[in-house]
Amino acid sequence: MRLENAVIGRRVEAVFRAPRLNVVMSGLFVCLSIPILIFILVYNYRANSRTIIATLHEEVAKNNRTSIENAENLIRSVASTLRLLAAATAKCRSDQRRHE
């Protein structure tokens, strides 16, 4: 029982004695560095968010232009095919009228 009381007594003494320098320095380091790290984290988050959003807007605009160009190219090719068919049909009709 005496040994247990001695151990408990030493622990109580360690809690109530003056803090040592390394504990104080560690506490100061943590207290001063955590706000700075939080600021860096928030700043980088906001900067990255702005960059990501700007990049997304650029990509959406680029894909929009590409889609429009692809649709125009499709319409042009279909239109040229229809023109060719119309010309061929007109020629066939004129040839049929001549033979009649």
PDB file of N, CA and C in Angstrom:
ATOM      1  N   MET A   1       0.813  -1.182   0.000  1.00  0.00           N
ATOM      2  CA  MET A   1       0.000   0.000   0.000  1.00  0.00           C
ATOM      3  C   MET A   1       0.866   1.258   0.000  1.00  0.00           C
ATOM      4  N   ARG A   2       1.952   1.203   0.693  1.00  0.00           N
ATOM      5  CA  ARG A   2       2.852   2.360   0.752  1.00  0.00           C
ATOM      6  C   ARG A   2       3.427   2.685  -0.622  1.00  0.00           C
ATOM      7  N   LEU A   3       3.771   1.643  -1.360  1.00  0.00           N
ATOM      8  CA  LEU A   3       4.346   1.842  -2.698  1.00  0.00           C
ATOM      9  C   LEU A   3       3.341   2.526  -3.611  1.00  0.00           C
ATOM     10  N   GLU A   4       2.088   2.106  -3.538  1.00  0.00           N
ATOM     11  CA  GLU A   4       1.047   2.726  -4.365  1.00  0.00           C
ATOM     12  C   GLU A   4       0.852   4.178  -3.979  1.00  0.00           C
ATOM     13  N   ASN A   5       0.838   4.467  -2.716  1.00  0.00           N
ATOM     14  CA  ASN A   5       0.687   5.854  -2.256  1.00  0.00           C
ATOM     15  C   ASN A   5       1.870   6.706  -2.706  1.00  0.00           C
ATOM     16  N   ALA A   6       3.057   6.138  -2.719  1.00  0.00           N
ATOM     17  CA  ALA A   6       4.245   6.882  -3.151  1.00  0.00           C
ATOM     18  C   ALA A   6       4.159   7.199  -4.637  1.00  0.00           C
ATOM     19  N   VAL A   7       3.711   6.234  -5.431  1.00  0.00           N
ATOM     20  CA  VAL A   7       3.572   6.457  -6.874  1.00  0.00           C
ATOM     21  C   VAL A   7       2.516   7.518  -7.136  1.00  0.00           C
ATOM     22  N   ILE A   8       1.385   7.425  -6.469  1.00  0.00           N
ATOM     23  CA  ILE A   8       0.309   8.406  -6.647  1.00  0.00           C
ATOM     24  C   ILE A   8       0.779   9.776  -6.184  1.00  0.00           C
ATOM     25  N   GLY A   9       1.515   9.815  -5.103  1.00  0.00           N
ATOM     26  CA  GLY A   9       2.036  11.094  -4.591  1.00  0.00           C
ATOM     27  C   GLY A   9       2.987  11.743  -5.579  1.00  0.00           C
ATOM     28  N   ARG A  10       3.854  10.958  -6.212  1.00  0.00           N
ATOM     29  CA  ARG A  10       4.780  11.513  -7.211  1.00  0.00           C
ATOM     30  C   ARG A  10       4.022  12.044  -8.428  1.00  0.00           C
ATOM     31  N   ARG A  11       2.982  11.358  -8.820  1.00  0.00           N
ATOM     32  CA  ARG A  11       2.184  11.816  -9.968  1.00  0.00           C
ATOM     33  C   ARG A  11       1.486  13.131  -9.655  1.00  0.00           C
ATOM     34  N   VAL A  12       0.944  13.236  -8.446  1.00  0.00           N
ATOM     35  CA  VAL A  12       0.282  14.481  -8.040  1.00  0.00           C
ATOM     36  C   VAL A  12       1.296  15.606  -7.997  1.00  0.00           C
ATOM     37  N   GLU A  13       2.476  15.339  -7.505  1.00  0.00           N
ATOM     38  CA  GLU A  13       3.541  16.354  -7.472  1.00  0.00           C
ATOM     39  C   GLU A  13       3.907  16.798  -8.885  1.00  0.00           C
ATOM     40  N   ALA A  14       4.019  15.856  -9.787  1.00  0.00           N
ATOM     41  CA  ALA A  14       4.388  16.176 -11.167  1.00  0.00           C
ATOM     42  C   ALA A  14       3.333  17.056 -11.816  1.00  0.00           C
ATOM     43  N   VAL A  15       2.066  16.860 -11.472  1.00  0.00           N
ATOM     44  CA  VAL A  15       0.997  17.664 -12.062  1.00  0.00           C
ATOM     45  C   VAL A  15       1.046  19.093 -11.533  1.00  0.00           C
ATOM     46  N   PHE A  16       1.330  19.284 -10.260  1.00  0.00           N
ATOM     47  CA  PHE A  16       1.249  20.608  -9.651  1.00  0.00           C
ATOM     48  C   PHE A  16       2.554  21.398  -9.647  1.00  0.00           C
ATOM     49  N   ARG A  17       3.654  20.821 -10.043  1.00  0.00           N
ATOM     50  CA  ARG A  17       4.892  21.591 -10.043  1.00  0.00           C
ATOM     51  C   ARG A  17       4.928  22.500 -11.279  1.00  0.00           C
ATOM     52  N   ALA A  18       5.856  23.429 -11.317  1.00  0.00           N
ATOM     53  CA  ALA A  18       5.961  24.404 -12.407  1.00  0.00           C
ATOM     54  C   ALA A  18       6.255  23.671 -13.713  1.00  0.00           C
ATOM     55  N   PRO A  19       5.603  24.100 -14.792  1.00  0.00           N
ATOM     56  CA  PRO A  19       5.840  23.420 -16.074  1.00  0.00           C
ATOM     57  C   PRO A  19       7.284  23.598 -16.527  1.00  0.00           C
ATOM     58  N   ARG A  20       7.796  22.562 -17.141  1.00  0.00           N
ATOM     59  CA  ARG A  20       9.175  22.624 -17.610  1.00  0.00           C
ATOM     60  C   ARG A  20       9.222  23.386 -18.913  1.00  0.00           C
ATOM     61  N   LEU A  21      10.422  23.811 -19.283  1.00  0.00           N
ATOM     62  CA  LEU A  21      10.602  24.659 -20.457  1.00  0.00           C
ATOM     63  C   LEU A  21      10.180  23.951 -21.731  1.00  0.00           C
ATOM     64  N   ASN A  22      10.487  22.671 -21.875  1.00  0.00           N
ATOM     65  CA  ASN A  22      10.126  21.977 -23.119  1.00  0.00           C
ATOM     66  C   ASN A  22       8.620  21.862 -23.285  1.00  0.00           C
ATOM     67  N   VAL A  23       7.882  21.737 -22.182  1.00  0.00           N
ATOM     68  CA  VAL A  23       6.423  21.684 -22.259  1.00  0.00           C
ATOM     69  C   VAL A  23       5.875  23.042 -22.675  1.00  0.00           C
ATOM     70  N   VAL A  24       6.426  24.111 -22.113  1.00  0.00           N
ATOM     71  CA  VAL A  24       5.982  25.460 -22.460  1.00  0.00           C
ATOM     72  C   VAL A  24       6.285  25.759 -23.922  1.00  0.00           C
ATOM     73  N   MET A  25       7.482  25.413 -24.368  1.00  0.00           N
ATOM     74  CA  MET A  25       7.865  25.669 -25.758  1.00  0.00           C
ATOM     75  C   MET A  25       7.001  24.851 -26.718  1.00  0.00           C
ATOM     76  N   SER A  26       6.715  23.619 -26.366  1.00  0.00           N
ATOM     77  CA  SER A  26       5.846  22.791 -27.206  1.00  0.00           C
ATOM     78  C   SER A  26       4.451  23.378 -27.282  1.00  0.00           C
ATOM     79  N   GLY A  27       3.929  23.814 -26.158  1.00  0.00           N
ATOM     80  CA  GLY A  27       2.598  24.430 -26.137  1.00  0.00           C
ATOM     81  C   GLY A  27       2.550  25.699 -26.963  1.00  0.00           C
ATOM     82  N   LEU A  28       3.574  26.551 -26.825  1.00  0.00           N
ATOM     83  CA  LEU A  28       3.634  27.770 -27.637  1.00  0.00           C
ATOM     84  C   LEU A  28       3.714  27.458 -29.122  1.00  0.00           C
ATOM     85  N   PHE A  29       4.517  26.483 -29.471  1.00  0.00           N
ATOM     86  CA  PHE A  29       4.645  26.102 -30.883  1.00  0.00           C
ATOM     87  C   PHE A  29       3.304  25.662 -31.448  1.00  0.00           C
ATOM     88  N   VAL A  30       2.600  24.820 -30.711  1.00  0.00           N
ATOM     89  CA  VAL A  30       1.302  24.332 -31.178  1.00  0.00           C
ATOM     90  C   VAL A  30       0.305  25.481 -31.275  1.00  0.00           C
ATOM     91  N   CYS A  31       0.249  26.317 -30.254  1.00  0.00           N
ATOM     92  CA  CYS A  31      -0.715  27.417 -30.243  1.00  0.00           C
ATOM     93  C   CYS A  31      -0.445  28.441 -31.341  1.00  0.00           C
ATOM     94  N   LEU A  32       0.800  28.659 -31.687  1.00  0.00           N
ATOM     95  CA  LEU A  32       1.128  29.646 -32.718  1.00  0.00           C
ATOM     96  C   LEU A  32       1.101  29.061 -34.128  1.00  0.00           C
ATOM     97  N   SER A  33       1.393  27.785 -34.272  1.00  0.00           N
ATOM     98  CA  SER A  33       1.460  27.224 -35.622  1.00  0.00           C
ATOM     99  C   SER A  33       0.103  26.746 -36.141  1.00  0.00           C
ATOM    100  N   ILE A  34      -0.791  26.324 -35.268  1.00  0.00           N
ATOM    101  CA  ILE A  34      -2.095  25.824 -35.715  1.00  0.00           C
ATOM    102  C   ILE A  34      -2.892  26.910 -36.451  1.00  0.00           C
ATOM    103  N   PRO A  35      -3.017  28.135 -35.937  1.00  0.00           N
ATOM    104  CA  PRO A  35      -3.757  29.151 -36.703  1.00  0.00           C
ATOM    105  C   PRO A  35      -3.127  29.456 -38.069  1.00  0.00           C
ATOM    106  N   ILE A  36      -1.819  29.468 -38.127  1.00  0.00           N
ATOM    107  CA  ILE A  36      -1.142  29.721 -39.402  1.00  0.00           C
ATOM    108  C   ILE A  36      -1.422  28.587 -40.378  1.00  0.00           C
ATOM    109  N   LEU A  37      -1.366  27.364 -39.912  1.00  0.00           N
ATOM    110  CA  LEU A  37      -1.658  26.221 -40.776  1.00  0.00           C
ATOM    111  C   LEU A  37      -3.112  26.227 -41.248  1.00  0.00           C
ATOM    112  N   ILE A  38      -4.021  26.625 -40.375  1.00  0.00           N
ATOM    113  CA  ILE A  38      -5.428  26.721 -40.772  1.00  0.00           C
ATOM    114  C   ILE A  38      -5.599  27.803 -41.828  1.00  0.00           C
ATOM    115  N   PHE A  39      -4.932  28.948 -41.658  1.00  0.00           N
ATOM    116  CA  PHE A  39      -5.000  30.013 -42.660  1.00  0.00           C
ATOM    117  C   PHE A  39      -4.478  29.530 -44.003  1.00  0.00           C
ATOM    118  N   ILE A  40      -3.342  28.841 -43.995  1.00  0.00           N
ATOM    119  CA  ILE A  40      -2.773  28.321 -45.249  1.00  0.00           C
ATOM    120  C   ILE A  40      -3.743  27.333 -45.897  1.00  0.00           C
ATOM    121  N   LEU A  41      -4.341  26.478 -45.108  1.00  0.00           N
ATOM    122  CA  LEU A  41      -5.290  25.490 -45.616  1.00  0.00           C
ATOM    123  C   LEU A  41      -6.498  26.172 -46.255  1.00  0.00           C
ATOM    124  N   VAL A  42      -7.072  27.170 -45.579  1.00  0.00           N
ATOM    125  CA  VAL A  42      -8.241  27.873 -46.111  1.00  0.00           C
ATOM    126  C   VAL A  42      -7.872  28.650 -47.373  1.00  0.00           C
ATOM    127  N   TYR A  43      -6.723  29.326 -47.350  1.00  0.00           N
ATOM    128  CA  TYR A  43      -6.299  30.103 -48.519  1.00  0.00           C
ATOM    129  C   TYR A  43      -6.090  29.194 -49.732  1.00  0.00           C
ATOM    130  N   ASN A  44      -5.403  28.082 -49.543  1.00  0.00           N
ATOM    131  CA  ASN A  44      -5.174  27.149 -50.653  1.00  0.00           C
ATOM    132  C   ASN A  44      -6.476  26.536 -51.150  1.00  0.00           C
ATOM    133  N   TYR A  45      -7.399  26.251 -50.252  1.00  0.00           N
ATOM    134  CA  TYR A  45      -8.690  25.707 -50.650  1.00  0.00           C
ATOM    135  C   TYR A  45      -9.430  26.697 -51.547  1.00  0.00           C
ATOM    136  N   ARG A  46      -9.458  27.970 -51.123  1.00  0.00           N
ATOM    137  CA  ARG A  46     -10.161  28.982 -51.918  1.00  0.00           C
ATOM    138  C   ARG A  46      -9.477  29.202 -53.257  1.00  0.00           C
ATOM    139  N   ALA A  47      -8.143  29.257 -53.264  1.00  0.00           N
ATOM    140  CA  ALA A  47      -7.418  29.460 -54.525  1.00  0.00           C
ATOM    141  C   ALA A  47      -7.629  28.274 -55.465  1.00  0.00           C
ATOM    142  N   ASN A  48      -7.557  27.077 -54.944  1.00  0.00           N
ATOM    143  CA  ASN A  48      -7.782  25.889 -55.774  1.00  0.00           C
ATOM    144  C   ASN A  48      -9.220  25.833 -56.279  1.00  0.00           C
ATOM    145  N   SER A  49     -10.175  26.214 -55.453  1.00  0.00           N
ATOM    146  CA  SER A  49     -11.574  26.209 -55.878  1.00  0.00           C
ATOM    147  C   SER A  49     -11.784  27.179 -57.032  1.00  0.00           C
ATOM    148  N   ARG A  50     -11.211  28.385 -56.915  1.00  0.00           N
ATOM    149  CA  ARG A  50     -11.340  29.355 -58.009  1.00  0.00           C
ATOM    150  C   ARG A  50     -10.716  28.827 -59.289  1.00  0.00           C
ATOM    151  N   THR A  51      -9.547  28.230 -59.174  1.00  0.00           N
ATOM    152  CA  THR A  51      -8.863  27.697 -60.354  1.00  0.00           C
ATOM    153  C   THR A  51      -9.658  26.559 -60.979  1.00  0.00           C
ATOM    154  N   ILE A  52     -10.183  25.672 -60.165  1.00  0.00           N
ATOM    155  CA  ILE A  52     -10.960  24.542 -60.676  1.00  0.00           C
ATOM    156  C   ILE A  52     -12.219  25.034 -61.375  1.00  0.00           C
ATOM    157  N   ILE A  53     -12.910  26.002 -60.775  1.00  0.00           N
ATOM    158  CA  ILE A  53     -14.136  26.523 -61.381  1.00  0.00           C
ATOM    159  C   ILE A  53     -13.830  27.220 -62.698  1.00  0.00           C
ATOM    160  N   ALA A  54     -12.749  28.002 -62.747  1.00  0.00           N
ATOM    161  CA  ALA A  54     -12.375  28.673 -63.998  1.00  0.00           C
ATOM    162  C   ALA A  54     -12.033  27.649 -65.078  1.00  0.00           C
ATOM    163  N   THR A  55     -11.308  26.612 -64.700  1.00  0.00           N
ATOM    164  CA  THR A  55     -10.952  25.565 -65.664  1.00  0.00           C
ATOM    165  C   THR A  55     -12.206  24.845 -66.163  1.00  0.00           C
ATOM    166  N   LEU A  56     -13.135  24.570 -65.268  1.00  0.00           N
ATOM    167  CA  LEU A  56     -14.376  23.908 -65.675  1.00  0.00           C
ATOM    168  C   LEU A  56     -15.179  24.772 -66.646  1.00  0.00           C
ATOM    169  N   HIS A  57     -15.258  26.086 -66.365  1.00  0.00           N
ATOM    170  CA  HIS A  57     -15.973  26.974 -67.282  1.00  0.00           C
ATOM    171  C   HIS A  57     -15.306  26.993 -68.651  1.00  0.00           C
ATOM    172  N   GLU A  58     -13.988  27.040 -68.679  1.00  0.00           N
ATOM    173  CA  GLU A  58     -13.266  27.022 -69.959  1.00  0.00           C
ATOM    174  C   GLU A  58     -13.526  25.724 -70.716  1.00  0.00           C
ATOM    175  N   GLU A  59     -13.486  24.611 -70.019  1.00  0.00           N
ATOM    176  CA  GLU A  59     -13.712  23.317 -70.669  1.00  0.00           C
ATOM    177  C   GLU A  59     -15.145  23.196 -71.185  1.00  0.00           C
ATOM    178  N   VAL A  60     -16.109  23.693 -70.414  1.00  0.00           N
ATOM    179  CA  VAL A  60     -17.501  23.642 -70.867  1.00  0.00           C
ATOM    180  C   VAL A  60     -17.673  24.494 -72.122  1.00  0.00           C
ATOM    181  N   ALA A  61     -17.071  25.689 -72.125  1.00  0.00           N
ATOM    182  CA  ALA A  61     -17.161  26.552 -73.310  1.00  0.00           C
ATOM    183  C   ALA A  61     -16.484  25.891 -74.510  1.00  0.00           C
ATOM    184  N   LYS A  62     -15.332  25.281 -74.279  1.00  0.00           N
ATOM    185  CA  LYS A  62     -14.618  24.608 -75.375  1.00  0.00           C
ATOM    186  C   LYS A  62     -15.435  23.439 -75.920  1.00  0.00           C
ATOM    187  N   ASN A  63     -16.011  22.641 -75.044  1.00  0.00           N
ATOM    188  CA  ASN A  63     -16.833  21.513 -75.490  1.00  0.00           C
ATOM    189  C   ASN A  63     -18.093  21.996 -76.197  1.00  0.00           C
ATOM    190  N   ASN A  64     -18.640  23.116 -75.750  1.00  0.00           N
ATOM    191  CA  ASN A  64     -19.805  23.689 -76.405  1.00  0.00           C
ATOM    192  C   ASN A  64     -19.460  24.098 -77.835  1.00  0.00           C
ATOM    193  N   ARG A  65     -18.327  24.790 -77.999  1.00  0.00           N
ATOM    194  CA  ARG A  65     -17.887  25.186 -79.345  1.00  0.00           C
ATOM    195  C   ARG A  65     -17.633  23.960 -80.214  1.00  0.00           C
ATOM    196  N   THR A  66     -17.003  22.946 -79.649  1.00  0.00           N
ATOM    197  CA  THR A  66     -16.720  21.725 -80.403  1.00  0.00           C
ATOM    198  C   THR A  66     -18.014  21.039 -80.835  1.00  0.00           C
ATOM    199  N   SER A  67     -18.994  20.985 -79.944  1.00  0.00           N
ATOM    200  CA  SER A  67     -20.281  20.364 -80.288  1.00  0.00           C
ATOM    201  C   SER A  67     -20.972  21.128 -81.407  1.00  0.00           C
ATOM    202  N   ILE A  68     -20.930  22.444 -81.334  1.00  0.00           N
ATOM    203  CA  ILE A  68     -21.544  23.259 -82.387  1.00  0.00           C
ATOM    204  C   ILE A  68     -20.837  23.034 -83.715  1.00  0.00           C
ATOM    205  N   GLU A  69     -19.503  23.006 -83.685  1.00  0.00           N
ATOM    206  CA  GLU A  69     -18.745  22.755 -84.921  1.00  0.00           C
ATOM    207  C   GLU A  69     -19.061  21.377 -85.498  1.00  0.00           C
ATOM    208  N   ASN A  70     -19.167  20.370 -84.650  1.00  0.00           N
ATOM    209  CA  ASN A  70     -19.496  19.015 -85.117  1.00  0.00           C
ATOM    210  C   ASN A  70     -20.890  18.974 -85.738  1.00  0.00           C
ATOM    211  N   ALA A  71     -21.840  19.666 -85.112  1.00  0.00           N
ATOM    212  CA  ALA A  71     -23.196  19.702 -85.667  1.00  0.00           C
ATOM    213  C   ALA A  71     -23.204  20.422 -87.010  1.00  0.00           C
ATOM    214  N   GLU A  72     -22.460  21.537 -87.117  1.00  0.00           N
ATOM    215  CA  GLU A  72     -22.374  22.259 -88.393  1.00  0.00           C
ATOM    216  C   GLU A  72     -21.750  21.386 -89.479  1.00  0.00           C
ATOM    217  N   ASN A  73     -20.697  20.670 -89.127  1.00  0.00           N
ATOM    218  CA  ASN A  73     -20.063  19.779 -90.114  1.00  0.00           C
ATOM    219  C   ASN A  73     -21.022  18.677 -90.563  1.00  0.00           C
ATOM    220  N   LEU A  74     -21.792  18.141 -89.642  1.00  0.00           N
ATOM    221  CA  LEU A  74     -22.771  17.115 -89.991  1.00  0.00           C
ATOM    222  C   LEU A  74     -23.832  17.687 -90.924  1.00  0.00           C
ATOM    223  N   ILE A  75     -24.321  18.881 -90.605  1.00  0.00           N
ATOM    224  CA  ILE A  75     -25.345  19.514 -91.439  1.00  0.00           C
ATOM    225  C   ILE A  75     -24.782  19.827 -92.825  1.00  0.00           C
ATOM    226  N   ARG A  76     -23.528  20.315 -92.887  1.00  0.00           N
ATOM    227  CA  ARG A  76     -22.909  20.599 -94.189  1.00  0.00           C
ATOM    228  C   ARG A  76     -22.807  19.340 -95.047  1.00  0.00           C
ATOM    229  N   SER A  77     -22.385  18.239 -94.445  1.00  0.00           N
ATOM    230  CA  SER A  77     -22.235  17.013 -95.231  1.00  0.00           C
ATOM    231  C   SER A  77     -23.581  16.501 -95.708  1.00  0.00           C
ATOM    232  N   VAL A  78     -24.591  16.577 -94.864  1.00  0.00           N
ATOM    233  CA  VAL A  78     -25.932  16.147 -95.274  1.00  0.00           C
ATOM    234  C   VAL A  78     -26.460  17.084 -96.356  1.00  0.00           C
ATOM    235  N   ALA A  79     -26.218  18.380 -96.210  1.00  0.00           N
ATOM    236  CA  ALA A  79     -26.693  19.351 -97.206  1.00  0.00           C
ATOM    237  C   ALA A  79     -26.023  19.116 -98.556  1.00  0.00           C
ATOM    238  N   SER A  80     -24.733  18.832 -98.544  1.00  0.00           N
ATOM    239  CA  SER A  80     -24.053  18.584 -99.826  1.00  0.00           C
ATOM    240  C   SER A  80     -24.569  17.301-100.474  1.00  0.00           C
ATOM    241  N   THR A  81     -24.868  16.304 -99.679  1.00  0.00           N
ATOM    242  CA  THR A  81     -25.435  15.070-100.223  1.00  0.00           C
ATOM    243  C   THR A  81     -26.818  15.342-100.814  1.00  0.00           C
ATOM    244  N   LEU A  82     -27.618  16.124-100.117  1.00  0.00           N
ATOM    245  CA  LEU A  82     -28.951  16.457-100.630  1.00  0.00           C
ATOM    246  C   LEU A  82     -28.867  17.280-101.909  1.00  0.00           C
ATOM    247  N   ARG A  83     -27.893  18.204-101.975  1.00  0.00           N
ATOM    248  CA  ARG A  83     -27.708  18.977-103.207  1.00  0.00           C
ATOM    249  C   ARG A  83     -27.355  18.060-104.372  1.00  0.00           C
ATOM    250  N   LEU A  84     -26.462  17.114-104.103  1.00  0.00           N
ATOM    251  CA  LEU A  84     -26.066  16.158-105.147  1.00  0.00           C
ATOM    252  C   LEU A  84     -27.264  15.330-105.606  1.00  0.00           C
ATOM    253  N   LEU A  85     -28.056  14.848-104.651  1.00  0.00           N
ATOM    254  CA  LEU A  85     -29.253  14.081-105.013  1.00  0.00           C
ATOM    255  C   LEU A  85     -30.256  14.940-105.783  1.00  0.00           C
ATOM    256  N   ALA A  86     -30.430  16.189-105.387  1.00  0.00           N
ATOM    257  CA  ALA A  86     -31.349  17.085-106.088  1.00  0.00           C
ATOM    258  C   ALA A  86     -30.877  17.331-107.511  1.00  0.00           C
ATOM    259  N   ALA A  87     -29.567  17.521-107.685  1.00  0.00           N
ATOM    260  CA  ALA A  87     -29.027  17.742-109.035  1.00  0.00           C
ATOM    261  C   ALA A  87     -29.204  16.496-109.891  1.00  0.00           C
ATOM    262  N   ALA A  88     -28.951  15.342-109.311  1.00  0.00           N
ATOM    263  CA  ALA A  88     -29.108  14.094-110.060  1.00  0.00           C
ATOM    264  C   ALA A  88     -30.570  13.865-110.425  1.00  0.00           C
ATOM    265  N   THR A  89     -31.469  14.161-109.511  1.00  0.00           N
ATOM    266  CA  THR A  89     -32.891  13.993-109.786  1.00  0.00           C
ATOM    267  C   THR A  89     -33.349  14.958-110.864  1.00  0.00           C
ATOM    268  N   ALA A  90     -32.885  16.187-110.794  1.00  0.00           N
ATOM    269  CA  ALA A  90     -33.258  17.171-111.813  1.00  0.00           C
ATOM    270  C   ALA A  90     -32.744  16.743-113.179  1.00  0.00           C
ATOM    271  N   LYS A  91     -31.535  16.212-113.250  1.00  0.00           N
ATOM    272  CA  LYS A  91     -30.978  15.761-114.527  1.00  0.00           C
ATOM    273  C   LYS A  91     -31.767  14.575-115.075  1.00  0.00           C
ATOM    274  N   CYS A  92     -32.126  13.656-114.184  1.00  0.00           N
ATOM    275  CA  CYS A  92     -32.905  12.491-114.626  1.00  0.00           C
ATOM    276  C   CYS A  92     -34.262  12.924-115.170  1.00  0.00           C
ATOM    277  N   ARG A  93     -34.902  13.882-114.510  1.00  0.00           N
ATOM    278  CA  ARG A  93     -36.211  14.363-114.963  1.00  0.00           C
ATOM    279  C   ARG A  93     -36.089  15.057-116.321  1.00  0.00           C
ATOM    280  N   SER A  94     -35.025  15.858-116.458  1.00  0.00           N
ATOM    281  CA  SER A  94     -34.863  16.548-117.753  1.00  0.00           C
ATOM    282  C   SER A  94     -34.568  15.544-118.866  1.00  0.00           C
ATOM    283  N   ASP A  95     -33.804  14.493-118.529  1.00  0.00           N
ATOM    284  CA  ASP A  95     -33.532  13.456-119.532  1.00  0.00           C
ATOM    285  C   ASP A  95     -34.817  12.694-119.881  1.00  0.00           C
ATOM    286  N   GLN A  96     -35.677  12.442-118.890  1.00  0.00           N
ATOM    287  CA  GLN A  96     -36.929  11.733-119.158  1.00  0.00           C
ATOM    288  C   GLN A  96     -37.857  12.583-120.030  1.00  0.00           C
ATOM    289  N   ARG A  97     -37.870  13.883-119.816  1.00  0.00           N
ATOM    290  CA  ARG A  97     -38.731  14.772-120.601  1.00  0.00           C
ATOM    291  C   ARG A  97     -38.253  14.822-122.049  1.00  0.00           C
ATOM    292  N   ARG A  98     -36.965  14.764-122.242  1.00  0.00           N
ATOM    293  CA  ARG A  98     -36.429  14.801-123.605  1.00  0.00           C
ATOM    294  C   ARG A  98     -36.814  13.550-124.378  1.00  0.00           C
ATOM    295  N   HIS A  99     -36.800  12.438-123.677  1.00  0.00           N
ATOM    296  CA  HIS A  99     -37.105  11.157-124.331  1.00  0.00           C
ATOM    297  C   HIS A  99     -38.593  10.995-124.581  1.00  0.00           C
ATOM    298  N   GLU A 100     -39.407  11.742-123.957  1.00  0.00           N
ATOM    299  CA  GLU A 100     -40.856  11.567-124.144  1.00  0.00           C
ATOM    300  C   GLU A 100     -41.351  12.230-125.339  1.00  0.00           C
TER     301      GLU A 100
END
